Amino acid sequence: MRRWNGWGDSGASYPLPPNGQQFLAERIGPGTPPVDADWGSVAAAVPPSRLPAHPLISQKADDRLRHARGQSLPDWIALRSGQIPAFPDGVALPENDEAVAQIIQFARETGVKLIPYGGGTSVVGHINPEPGGQPVLTVSLARLNQLRRFDETSHLATFGAGARGPDLEAQLRARGFTLGHFPQSFELSTLGGWVVTRSAGQQSLGYGRIEELFAGGKLIAPAGTLHLPPFPASAAGPDIREMVLGSEGRLGILTEAVVRVSPLPEQEEFHTVFFPDFESGMTAARHIIQAKIPLSMMRLSTAVETETTLALAGHERLLAAMGRYLRLRGVGEGRCLFLFGVTGTAAMVKAARKAALALAAAQGGVHVGQAFGKQWQKNRFRSPYLRNTLWAMGYAVDTVETAAPWSAIPNLMSEMEAALREPLTAVGEQAHIFTHLSHVYPTGASIYTTVIFRLAADWDETLNRWRGMKTAVCQAIVQNGGTISHQHGVGKDHAPFLAVEKGELGMAAIEGVVRVFDAEGIMNCKL
């Protein structure tokens, strides 16, 4: 059973090692476990629906509560406190494209607003109904989850947009293929969600971001149905496919997606290198990507994130022995963890590994084998469960991500971390903040920063602290050369900063496209 007020399956957990709680207490103070609202009392508070009855729509309180919020920290605060300002008036579960068209027509006739819902993993407020106004209907695509067509010759697969990551991969692997798109939310998020938020998987360096994998599909909008043929390339004017990418449910409902798939790799390895400092690691990462060495993944942690990762990993004796070895090799307390993946044929893997390690060694990197890489691969979809563990101990976790040119990264990282720290310092609290480069490109990289801080005794105070940090860090991003979102989309939380990036004319162009597809403002119009 999926948790209604946290991450993932209620039967899964990610416990801290014995020293983990002490590690956090020493840095930000001991947490006080909160008293969360229970399911029964929150479900009982769901107000009556404002929708007329419809055979495709559930008005049950349970369904409406489970689709009321996503996975952002404000969403967790709302769910855990029971103070949810608005619920969808109903949840539709269409089983085919025709039913989706019927729901849109129902919305047009009744003045209902629609919110498309994939896996409910949004961390920026994509799926949250707003208080007041017109009735809201959440449209879950959970039943549009099957492989519809498979073109083995062209390496094209067509899925219903509601296919979750594990189900999509299972259907492909049965045929000897993979999409290779593995965001951290892989267990719960959906193909349609990846497309409309321009998602980046952890191995996008090798397989490509979702915009490279998305070849075409079908969007059902209030204005009609848009068919996107999966051409390998086209010079026939602007690419309409790009309008769907990143549209976040504002244009219509994506019901199917055609994706470019790859044969399962012959071999895959994940290696670990430690650098003496972040600067040398960043230089190595830049040299590797600019040399076009065919890796599938690179990830570089700061010294603080490296310390945190190792402290929360357990295996104290093994880590102590490794620390002694690294010190003998000139990599001391400021060491930074670098993971890289190599995927392909055995010959390709061997050549890429050798080339990457040579460039890493030139910057003082020390290769320690595959043990950490294998552990990362094993746990990469379990780590979000740590949020549940820390919450129960009295700690909140949030993440911020952006991307910038290589030349802007050092200053931007510093400004982001300072911006997150200052609002807490002002109220006498501390934050544990750490960062890594999660994706790299020839011209720059993405920055992924995590902040852990203590829950306040009052729910509103915790939310106010988050708001102060979110506003400050977003301002730091747009003022110091970063994009407001590298992989999480815009949603409600980033919307106030979008115009800074797009400009007045760019925002007008987006609004013009929206009016063509949805002149009446039916689709997710609060975004």
Protein backbone atom coordinates (compact mmCIF):
# COMPACT_ATOMS: atom_id res chain seq x y z
CA MET A 1 0.00 0.00 0.00
CA ARG A 2 1.31 3.42 -0.93
CA ARG A 3 1.79 5.93 1.90
CA TRP A 4 -0.84 8.65 1.86
CA ASN A 5 1.32 11.20 3.68
CA GLY A 6 4.91 10.35 2.74
CA TRP A 7 7.11 8.65 0.22
CA GLY A 8 6.59 5.25 -1.34
CA ASP A 9 5.32 1.90 -0.17
CA SER A 10 4.26 1.77 3.48
CA GLY A 11 6.11 -1.54 3.88
CA ALA A 12 9.47 -0.10 2.79
CA SER A 13 11.88 1.93 4.90
CA TYR A 14 15.42 3.29 4.92
CA PRO A 15 16.70 3.23 8.50
CA LEU A 16 19.66 5.31 9.61
CA PRO A 17 22.74 3.52 10.94
CA PRO A 18 23.30 3.86 14.70
CA ASN A 19 25.53 6.92 14.32
CA GLY A 20 23.25 8.71 11.83
CA GLN A 21 20.99 10.43 14.34
CA GLN A 22 24.00 11.52 16.39
CA PHE A 23 25.62 12.92 13.23
CA LEU A 24 22.64 15.19 12.59
CA ALA A 25 22.17 16.14 16.23
CA GLU A 26 25.77 17.35 16.40
CA ARG A 27 25.28 19.59 13.36
CA ILE A 28 21.79 21.03 13.76
CA GLY A 29 20.58 19.85 17.15
CA PRO A 30 18.32 17.00 18.25
CA GLY A 31 14.99 16.70 16.50
CA THR A 32 11.62 16.45 18.23
CA PRO A 33 9.37 13.78 16.68
CA PRO A 34 6.14 15.40 15.45
CA VAL A 35 2.61 14.23 16.18
CA ASP A 36 1.10 13.61 12.74
CA ALA A 37 -2.58 13.71 11.91
CA ASP A 38 -4.12 10.28 11.36
CA TRP A 39 -5.75 9.06 8.18
CA GLY A 40 -9.24 8.79 9.67
CA SER A 41 -9.46 12.35 10.95
CA VAL A 42 -8.07 13.86 7.74
CA ALA A 43 -10.37 11.76 5.51
CA ALA A 44 -13.33 12.79 7.66
CA ALA A 45 -12.51 16.45 7.01
CA VAL A 46 -12.81 16.12 3.21
CA PRO A 47 -15.75 18.38 2.25
CA PRO A 48 -18.64 17.28 0.04
CA SER A 49 -17.93 17.25 -3.66
CA ARG A 50 -19.25 20.06 -5.85
CA LEU A 51 -19.37 17.86 -8.96
CA PRO A 52 -22.42 16.34 -10.60
CA ALA A 53 -22.36 12.56 -10.70
CA HIS A 54 -20.51 10.97 -13.60
CA PRO A 55 -19.77 7.28 -14.27
CA LEU A 56 -16.03 7.93 -14.80
CA ILE A 57 -15.58 9.97 -11.62
CA SER A 58 -15.11 8.91 -7.99
CA GLN A 59 -16.25 11.35 -5.33
CA LYS A 60 -15.06 9.15 -2.45
CA ALA A 61 -13.19 10.99 0.29
CA ASP A 62 -10.41 8.36 0.29
CA ASP A 63 -9.68 8.84 -3.41
CA ARG A 64 -9.80 12.63 -3.15
CA LEU A 65 -7.41 12.68 -0.18
CA ARG A 66 -4.90 10.40 -1.91
CA HIS A 67 -4.83 12.77 -4.91
CA ALA A 68 -4.82 16.05 -2.97
CA ARG A 69 -1.07 16.70 -2.73
CA GLY A 70 2.30 15.77 -4.19
CA GLN A 71 5.67 15.25 -2.54
CA SER A 72 7.02 18.75 -1.86
CA LEU A 73 7.81 19.78 1.70
CA PRO A 74 4.72 22.05 1.85
CA ASP A 75 2.68 19.06 0.66
CA TRP A 76 4.08 16.93 3.47
CA ILE A 77 3.37 19.65 6.03
CA ALA A 78 -0.24 19.88 4.81
CA LEU A 79 -0.76 16.11 4.90
CA ARG A 80 1.04 15.47 8.19
CA SER A 81 -0.70 18.35 9.95
CA GLY A 82 -4.08 17.57 8.42
CA GLN A 83 -4.35 21.23 7.39
CA ILE A 84 -5.09 20.71 3.69
CA PRO A 85 -6.55 23.89 2.20
CA ALA A 86 -8.30 22.23 -0.76
CA PHE A 87 -9.13 18.82 -2.17
CA PRO A 88 -10.09 17.77 -5.68
CA ASP A 89 -13.85 17.42 -5.95
CA GLY A 90 -13.41 14.09 -7.67
CA VAL A 91 -10.91 11.72 -9.25
CA ALA A 92 -11.38 10.35 -12.75
CA LEU A 93 -9.67 7.13 -13.82
CA PRO A 94 -10.11 6.88 -17.60
CA GLU A 95 -9.19 3.54 -19.16
CA ASN A 96 -8.67 4.76 -22.73
CA ASP A 97 -8.19 7.88 -24.82
CA GLU A 98 -11.89 8.13 -25.61
CA ALA A 99 -12.69 8.39 -21.91
CA VAL A 100 -10.13 11.20 -21.55
CA ALA A 101 -11.91 13.11 -24.32
CA GLN A 102 -15.24 12.54 -22.54
CA ILE A 103 -13.83 13.95 -19.31
CA ILE A 104 -12.56 17.08 -21.05
CA GLN A 105 -15.97 17.56 -22.66
CA PHE A 106 -17.61 17.11 -19.24
CA ALA A 107 -15.32 19.82 -17.87
CA ARG A 108 -16.24 22.21 -20.69
CA GLU A 109 -19.96 21.67 -20.11
CA THR A 110 -19.85 22.04 -16.32
CA GLY A 111 -17.13 24.66 -15.75
CA VAL A 112 -14.86 22.21 -13.99
CA LYS A 113 -11.07 22.67 -13.88
CA LEU A 114 -8.89 19.66 -14.66
CA ILE A 115 -5.59 18.61 -13.09
CA PRO A 116 -3.77 15.74 -14.87
CA TYR A 117 -2.20 13.32 -12.39
CA GLY A 118 0.59 10.85 -13.17
CA GLY A 119 2.48 9.39 -10.23
CA GLY A 120 1.84 12.23 -7.79
CA THR A 121 5.59 12.77 -7.27
CA SER A 122 5.74 16.49 -8.05
CA VAL A 123 7.92 18.48 -5.65
CA VAL A 124 6.91 21.92 -6.95
CA GLY A 125 3.10 21.95 -6.60
CA HIS A 126 1.92 20.72 -10.01
CA ILE A 127 -1.10 18.77 -8.79
CA ASN A 128 -2.48 20.80 -5.89
CA PRO A 129 -6.04 22.19 -6.09
CA GLU A 130 -6.41 25.79 -4.95
CA PRO A 131 -9.03 26.89 -2.39
CA GLY A 132 -12.24 28.47 -3.65
CA GLY A 133 -13.20 29.06 -7.23
CA GLN A 134 -14.63 26.44 -9.53
CA PRO A 135 -14.80 22.68 -8.84
CA VAL A 136 -11.61 20.75 -9.55
CA LEU A 137 -11.36 17.28 -11.06
CA THR A 138 -8.10 15.34 -10.87
CA VAL A 139 -7.59 13.06 -13.87
CA SER A 140 -5.44 10.08 -12.94
CA LEU A 141 -3.77 8.31 -15.85
CA ALA A 142 -2.98 5.20 -13.79
CA ARG A 143 -5.00 2.90 -16.07
CA LEU A 144 -3.36 4.17 -19.27
CA ASN A 145 -0.24 2.15 -18.49
CA GLN A 146 0.24 -0.49 -21.18
CA LEU A 147 2.69 -0.93 -24.02
CA ARG A 148 0.49 -0.14 -27.01
CA ARG A 149 2.88 -0.70 -29.92
CA PHE A 150 6.46 -1.87 -30.29
CA ASP A 151 8.56 -1.32 -33.41
CA GLU A 152 11.63 -3.48 -32.89
CA THR A 153 13.11 -2.49 -36.25
CA SER A 154 12.96 1.24 -35.48
CA HIS A 155 13.55 0.90 -31.72
CA LEU A 156 10.31 2.77 -30.96
CA ALA A 157 7.86 1.88 -28.19
CA THR A 158 4.44 3.46 -27.64
CA PHE A 159 3.06 3.48 -24.08
CA GLY A 160 0.05 4.86 -22.34
CA ALA A 161 1.25 7.97 -20.54
CA GLY A 162 0.36 6.57 -17.12
CA ALA A 163 2.98 3.80 -17.26
CA ARG A 164 5.10 3.92 -14.10
CA GLY A 165 8.84 3.45 -14.32
CA PRO A 166 9.04 -0.18 -13.09
CA ASP A 167 6.10 -1.30 -15.24
CA LEU A 168 7.50 0.42 -18.33
CA GLU A 169 10.93 -1.14 -17.87
CA ALA A 170 9.46 -4.59 -17.20
CA GLN A 171 7.49 -4.53 -20.45
CA LEU A 172 10.57 -3.41 -22.39
CA ARG A 173 13.01 -5.80 -20.73
CA ALA A 174 10.78 -8.71 -21.64
CA ARG A 175 11.67 -7.80 -25.23
CA GLY A 176 15.36 -7.20 -24.55
CA PHE A 177 15.14 -3.38 -24.45
CA THR A 178 15.28 -0.48 -22.01
CA LEU A 179 14.32 3.18 -22.03
CA GLY A 180 17.16 3.94 -19.63
CA HIS A 181 15.29 6.76 -17.90
CA PHE A 182 15.83 6.44 -14.16
CA PRO A 183 14.90 9.53 -12.12
CA GLN A 184 15.08 9.16 -8.36
CA SER A 185 11.27 9.01 -8.37
CA PHE A 186 11.41 6.04 -10.80
CA GLU A 187 9.31 3.71 -8.62
CA LEU A 188 6.27 6.01 -8.62
CA SER A 189 6.59 8.53 -11.44
CA THR A 190 5.16 8.01 -14.92
CA LEU A 191 6.22 8.38 -18.52
CA GLY A 192 3.71 11.18 -19.11
CA GLY A 193 4.97 13.01 -16.05
CA TRP A 194 8.55 12.72 -17.26
CA VAL A 195 7.60 14.23 -20.61
CA VAL A 196 5.54 17.16 -19.40
CA THR A 197 8.14 18.16 -16.77
CA ARG A 198 11.22 17.61 -18.99
CA SER A 199 12.64 15.04 -16.60
CA ALA A 200 16.28 13.94 -16.41
CA GLY A 201 17.10 10.35 -15.44
CA GLN A 202 20.18 9.49 -13.42
CA GLN A 203 21.82 7.96 -16.50
CA SER A 204 20.74 10.62 -18.96
CA LEU A 205 24.38 11.18 -19.90
CA GLY A 206 24.22 7.87 -21.75
CA TYR A 207 20.56 7.39 -22.65
CA GLY A 208 19.54 11.05 -22.96
CA ARG A 209 17.12 13.31 -21.13
CA ILE A 210 13.42 12.72 -21.75
CA GLU A 211 13.34 15.32 -24.54
CA GLU A 212 15.82 13.16 -26.45
CA LEU A 213 13.82 10.00 -25.76
CA PHE A 214 10.35 11.42 -26.48
CA ALA A 215 9.71 10.87 -30.19
CA GLY A 216 5.99 11.64 -30.45
CA GLY A 217 2.59 10.77 -29.08
CA LYS A 218 -0.92 12.05 -28.56
CA LEU A 219 -2.21 15.05 -26.59
CA ILE A 220 -5.94 15.49 -26.05
CA ALA A 221 -6.65 19.17 -25.45
CA PRO A 222 -9.86 21.19 -25.06
CA ALA A 223 -9.23 22.49 -28.60
CA GLY A 224 -8.86 19.00 -30.08
CA THR A 225 -6.42 16.13 -30.42
CA LEU A 226 -2.78 16.69 -31.33
CA HIS A 227 -0.98 13.78 -33.03
CA LEU A 228 2.83 13.89 -33.01
CA PRO A 229 4.37 11.44 -35.52
CA PRO A 230 7.70 9.93 -34.37
CA PHE A 231 9.92 11.25 -37.17
CA PRO A 232 13.65 10.61 -36.67
CA ALA A 233 14.17 14.27 -37.64
CA SER A 234 12.25 17.02 -39.40
CA ALA A 235 12.88 20.47 -40.83
CA ALA A 236 9.15 21.20 -41.20
CA GLY A 237 9.08 24.37 -39.16
CA PRO A 238 9.03 24.66 -35.34
CA ASP A 239 8.89 21.36 -33.49
CA ILE A 240 5.40 21.10 -31.97
CA ARG A 241 6.70 18.23 -29.86
CA GLU A 242 8.74 20.80 -27.93
CA MET A 243 5.52 22.55 -26.89
CA VAL A 244 4.31 19.39 -25.21
CA LEU A 245 7.64 18.83 -23.46
CA GLY A 246 7.53 20.85 -20.25
CA SER A 247 3.86 21.82 -20.71
CA GLU A 248 3.00 20.50 -17.21
CA GLY A 249 -0.63 19.67 -18.01
CA ARG A 250 -1.46 23.19 -19.10
CA LEU A 251 -2.16 22.41 -22.78
CA GLY A 252 -4.12 19.19 -22.40
CA ILE A 253 -3.69 15.59 -21.30
CA LEU A 254 -0.89 13.52 -22.81
CA THR A 255 -2.42 10.07 -23.24
CA GLU A 256 0.36 8.24 -25.06
CA ALA A 257 4.04 8.73 -25.73
CA VAL A 258 6.32 7.19 -28.33
CA VAL A 259 9.83 6.76 -26.96
CA ARG A 260 13.21 5.80 -28.42
CA VAL A 261 14.45 2.66 -26.69
CA SER A 262 17.79 0.84 -26.63
CA PRO A 263 18.78 -2.82 -26.49
CA LEU A 264 19.74 -3.95 -23.01
CA PRO A 265 23.46 -3.28 -22.48
CA GLU A 266 25.94 -6.10 -22.52
CA GLN A 267 27.78 -4.68 -19.52
CA GLU A 268 27.36 -1.94 -16.94
CA GLU A 269 29.71 -0.71 -14.22
CA PHE A 270 29.62 2.07 -11.61
CA HIS A 271 33.01 3.23 -10.35
CA THR A 272 34.11 5.43 -7.45
CA VAL A 273 36.92 7.97 -7.40
CA PHE A 274 37.87 10.29 -4.53
CA PHE A 275 39.37 13.70 -5.26
CA PRO A 276 41.36 15.77 -2.78
CA ASP A 277 38.94 18.71 -3.20
CA PHE A 278 35.86 19.78 -5.16
CA GLU A 279 37.75 21.97 -7.60
CA SER A 280 39.91 19.10 -8.85
CA GLY A 281 36.86 16.86 -9.14
CA MET A 282 34.95 19.47 -11.11
CA THR A 283 37.90 19.96 -13.45
CA ALA A 284 38.09 16.21 -14.05
CA ALA A 285 34.34 15.97 -14.71
CA ARG A 286 34.55 18.84 -17.17
CA HIS A 287 37.52 17.33 -18.99
CA ILE A 288 35.79 13.94 -19.22
CA ILE A 289 32.55 15.30 -20.67
CA GLN A 290 34.31 17.69 -23.04
CA ALA A 291 36.46 14.81 -24.28
CA LYS A 292 33.17 13.06 -25.21
CA ILE A 293 34.03 9.87 -23.33
CA PRO A 294 30.86 7.75 -23.59
CA LEU A 295 29.83 7.42 -19.94
CA SER A 296 26.24 6.91 -18.84
CA MET A 297 26.43 8.83 -15.56
CA MET A 298 28.65 11.23 -13.59
CA ARG A 299 27.99 12.58 -10.11
CA LEU A 300 30.37 14.68 -8.00
CA SER A 301 29.71 15.45 -4.33
CA THR A 302 31.07 18.33 -2.28
CA ALA A 303 33.16 17.54 0.80
CA VAL A 304 30.14 18.06 3.06
CA GLU A 305 27.94 15.74 1.01
CA THR A 306 30.75 13.19 0.88
CA GLU A 307 31.09 13.30 4.67
CA THR A 308 27.31 12.99 5.06
CA THR A 309 27.05 10.11 2.59
CA LEU A 310 29.79 8.17 4.33
CA ALA A 311 28.44 8.90 7.82
CA LEU A 312 24.97 7.65 6.91
CA ALA A 313 26.27 4.58 5.08
CA GLY A 314 27.33 2.60 8.15
CA HIS A 315 30.25 0.14 7.71
CA GLU A 316 32.45 2.20 10.03
CA ARG A 317 35.45 -0.18 10.04
CA LEU A 318 35.52 -0.44 6.26
CA LEU A 319 35.28 3.32 5.88
CA ALA A 320 38.03 3.88 8.44
CA ALA A 321 40.34 1.56 6.51
CA MET A 322 39.48 3.32 3.25
CA GLY A 323 40.16 6.69 4.88
CA ARG A 324 43.65 5.58 5.89
CA TYR A 325 44.33 4.38 2.34
CA LEU A 326 43.13 7.65 0.82
CA ARG A 327 45.26 9.73 3.16
CA LEU A 328 48.32 7.75 2.08
CA ARG A 329 47.40 8.69 -1.51
CA GLY A 330 47.10 12.39 -0.66
CA VAL A 331 43.30 12.55 -0.34
CA GLY A 332 42.45 13.82 3.15
CA GLU A 333 39.58 15.42 5.06
CA GLY A 334 38.32 17.57 2.19
CA ARG A 335 37.85 14.57 -0.07
CA CYS A 336 35.03 14.57 -2.61
CA LEU A 337 33.20 11.51 -3.90
CA PHE A 338 32.88 11.05 -7.67
CA LEU A 339 30.70 8.29 -9.17
CA PHE A 340 30.60 7.43 -12.84
CA GLY A 341 28.75 4.81 -14.83
CA VAL A 342 29.86 3.00 -17.98
CA THR A 343 27.25 1.20 -20.05
CA GLY A 344 27.46 -0.69 -23.36
CA THR A 345 29.41 -3.51 -24.95
CA ALA A 346 32.32 -5.01 -23.04
CA ALA A 347 34.81 -3.34 -25.38
CA MET A 348 33.12 0.07 -25.07
CA VAL A 349 32.97 -0.21 -21.29
CA LYS A 350 36.64 -1.10 -21.04
CA ALA A 351 37.77 1.76 -23.28
CA ALA A 352 35.53 4.38 -21.62
CA ARG A 353 36.53 3.29 -18.12
CA LYS A 354 40.23 3.53 -18.96
CA ALA A 355 39.87 6.97 -20.53
CA ALA A 356 37.79 8.37 -17.67
CA LEU A 357 40.13 7.06 -14.99
CA ALA A 358 43.14 8.53 -16.78
CA LEU A 359 41.59 12.01 -16.78
CA ALA A 360 40.53 11.58 -13.14
CA ALA A 361 44.05 10.55 -12.12
CA ALA A 362 45.47 13.62 -13.85
CA GLN A 363 43.54 15.75 -11.30
CA GLY A 364 44.65 13.70 -8.29
CA GLY A 365 41.67 11.34 -8.25
CA VAL A 366 42.09 7.97 -6.52
CA HIS A 367 40.05 5.07 -7.89
CA VAL A 368 38.67 2.76 -5.19
CA GLY A 369 36.81 0.27 -7.37
CA GLN A 370 33.14 -0.55 -7.80
CA ALA A 371 31.94 -1.31 -4.25
CA PHE A 372 30.47 2.14 -3.58
CA GLY A 373 29.07 2.29 -7.09
CA LYS A 374 27.26 -1.01 -6.63
CA GLN A 375 25.85 0.21 -3.32
CA TRP A 376 24.66 3.42 -4.98
CA GLN A 377 22.99 1.45 -7.77
CA LYS A 378 21.30 -0.85 -5.26
CA ASN A 379 19.91 2.00 -3.15
CA ARG A 380 19.30 4.75 -5.71
CA PHE A 381 15.52 4.38 -5.56
CA ARG A 382 15.48 3.73 -1.80
CA SER A 383 17.07 7.01 -0.77
CA PRO A 384 13.78 9.01 -0.96
CA TYR A 385 12.53 6.78 1.88
CA LEU A 386 15.08 8.51 4.11
CA ARG A 387 12.71 11.49 4.18
CA ASN A 388 10.19 9.34 6.10
CA THR A 389 12.85 8.24 8.58
CA LEU A 390 14.14 11.75 9.21
CA TRP A 391 10.64 13.20 9.54
CA ALA A 392 9.87 10.70 12.30
CA MET A 393 12.99 11.95 14.09
CA GLY A 394 11.91 15.57 13.82
CA TYR A 395 13.83 16.68 10.71
CA ALA A 396 12.57 18.16 7.44
CA VAL A 397 14.34 17.55 4.12
CA ASP A 398 14.08 19.59 0.95
CA THR A 399 16.05 19.79 -2.27
CA VAL A 400 16.81 22.55 -4.76
CA GLU A 401 18.19 22.03 -8.24
CA THR A 402 19.38 24.18 -11.12
CA ALA A 403 21.91 24.16 -13.97
CA ALA A 404 24.49 26.70 -15.09
CA PRO A 405 27.62 27.06 -17.25
CA TRP A 406 30.83 25.68 -15.75
CA SER A 407 32.18 29.18 -15.18
CA ALA A 408 29.18 30.13 -13.02
CA ILE A 409 28.99 26.99 -10.88
CA PRO A 410 31.39 27.76 -7.99
CA ASN A 411 29.80 31.13 -7.18
CA LEU A 412 26.26 29.87 -7.75
CA MET A 413 26.75 26.92 -5.39
CA SER A 414 28.08 29.23 -2.70
CA GLU A 415 25.21 31.70 -3.11
CA MET A 416 22.59 28.93 -3.04
CA GLU A 417 23.90 27.41 0.17
CA ALA A 418 24.18 30.82 1.83
CA ALA A 419 20.63 31.70 0.77
CA LEU A 420 19.28 28.49 2.31
CA ARG A 421 21.17 29.01 5.55
CA GLU A 422 20.34 32.65 6.27
CA PRO A 423 16.55 32.41 6.95
CA LEU A 424 17.17 29.70 9.56
CA THR A 425 20.07 31.56 11.14
CA ALA A 426 17.76 34.56 11.56
CA VAL A 427 15.48 32.48 13.84
CA GLY A 428 18.31 30.81 15.74
CA GLU A 429 18.23 27.53 13.85
CA GLN A 430 20.86 25.71 11.83
CA ALA A 431 20.70 23.82 8.56
CA HIS A 432 22.77 20.92 7.30
CA ILE A 433 23.32 21.69 3.61
CA PHE A 434 25.17 19.63 1.02
CA THR A 435 25.44 19.62 -2.76
CA HIS A 436 26.42 17.52 -5.75
CA LEU A 437 26.64 17.93 -9.49
CA SER A 438 24.05 15.44 -10.67
CA HIS A 439 24.29 15.80 -14.48
CA VAL A 440 27.08 17.16 -16.61
CA TYR A 441 27.18 18.67 -20.08
CA PRO A 442 30.04 19.99 -22.22
CA THR A 443 29.06 23.57 -21.35
CA GLY A 444 27.96 23.17 -17.73
CA ALA A 445 26.32 21.02 -15.09
CA SER A 446 23.29 20.72 -12.84
CA ILE A 447 23.54 21.58 -9.16
CA TYR A 448 21.49 19.55 -6.68
CA THR A 449 21.43 20.84 -3.12
CA THR A 450 19.83 19.17 -0.10
CA VAL A 451 18.91 20.96 3.12
CA ILE A 452 18.01 19.27 6.40
CA PHE A 453 16.61 21.32 9.27
CA ARG A 454 14.62 20.74 12.43
CA LEU A 455 10.84 20.77 12.38
CA ALA A 456 9.42 23.62 14.47
CA ALA A 457 6.95 22.96 17.26
CA ASP A 458 4.31 24.72 15.14
CA TRP A 459 3.34 23.54 11.63
CA ASP A 460 2.94 27.11 10.34
CA GLU A 461 6.38 28.05 11.61
CA THR A 462 7.96 25.11 9.76
CA LEU A 463 6.16 26.21 6.58
CA ASN A 464 7.25 29.83 7.06
CA ARG A 465 10.86 28.74 7.45
CA TRP A 466 10.61 26.74 4.24
CA ARG A 467 9.07 29.72 2.41
CA GLY A 468 11.92 31.95 3.51
CA MET A 469 14.51 29.46 2.28
CA LYS A 470 12.69 28.75 -0.99
CA THR A 471 12.31 32.41 -1.88
CA ALA A 472 15.88 33.23 -0.99
CA VAL A 473 17.42 30.34 -2.90
CA CYS A 474 15.29 30.92 -6.01
CA GLN A 475 16.36 34.56 -6.03
CA ALA A 476 19.98 33.48 -5.68
CA ILE A 477 19.59 31.11 -8.63
CA VAL A 478 18.07 33.59 -11.08
CA GLN A 479 20.49 36.35 -10.01
CA ASN A 480 23.60 34.21 -10.43
CA GLY A 481 23.22 32.54 -13.81
CA GLY A 482 21.12 29.45 -13.08
CA THR A 483 17.90 28.11 -14.57
CA ILE A 484 14.94 28.02 -12.21
CA SER A 485 14.62 24.28 -12.86
CA HIS A 486 16.88 21.66 -14.40
CA GLN A 487 14.65 18.62 -13.91
CA HIS A 488 11.69 19.24 -11.57
CA GLY A 489 9.65 21.59 -13.73
CA VAL A 490 8.01 24.87 -12.74
CA GLY A 491 4.75 24.08 -10.96
CA LYS A 492 3.43 26.65 -8.48
CA ASP A 493 6.61 27.01 -6.46
CA HIS A 494 8.82 28.21 -9.32
CA ALA A 495 6.18 30.14 -11.27
CA PRO A 496 7.01 33.55 -9.69
CA PHE A 497 10.56 33.29 -11.06
CA LEU A 498 9.79 32.00 -14.55
CA ALA A 499 9.51 35.43 -16.20
CA VAL A 500 13.06 36.29 -15.15
CA GLU A 501 14.32 33.38 -17.25
CA LYS A 502 11.89 33.60 -20.18
CA GLY A 503 11.56 37.37 -20.53
CA GLU A 504 8.46 39.38 -21.40
CA LEU A 505 8.28 38.24 -25.01
CA GLY A 506 8.94 34.62 -24.08
CA MET A 507 6.13 34.63 -21.52
CA ALA A 508 3.77 36.15 -24.08
CA ALA A 509 4.67 33.38 -26.55
CA ILE A 510 3.92 30.69 -23.94
CA GLU A 511 0.61 32.33 -23.08
CA GLY A 512 -0.29 32.44 -26.77
CA VAL A 513 0.31 28.71 -27.17
CA VAL A 514 -1.80 28.00 -24.08
CA ARG A 515 -4.72 30.02 -25.49
CA VAL A 516 -4.63 28.01 -28.73
CA PHE A 517 -4.87 24.68 -26.92
CA ASP A 518 -7.07 25.76 -23.99
CA ALA A 519 -8.86 29.04 -24.66
CA GLU A 520 -11.33 28.50 -21.79
CA GLY A 521 -8.67 27.89 -19.13
CA ILE A 522 -9.78 24.38 -18.23
CA MET A 523 -6.38 22.70 -17.87
CA ASN A 524 -4.32 23.09 -14.68
CA CYS A 525 -4.86 26.82 -15.01
CA LYS A 526 -3.53 27.76 -11.57
CA LEU A 527 0.01 26.95 -12.68
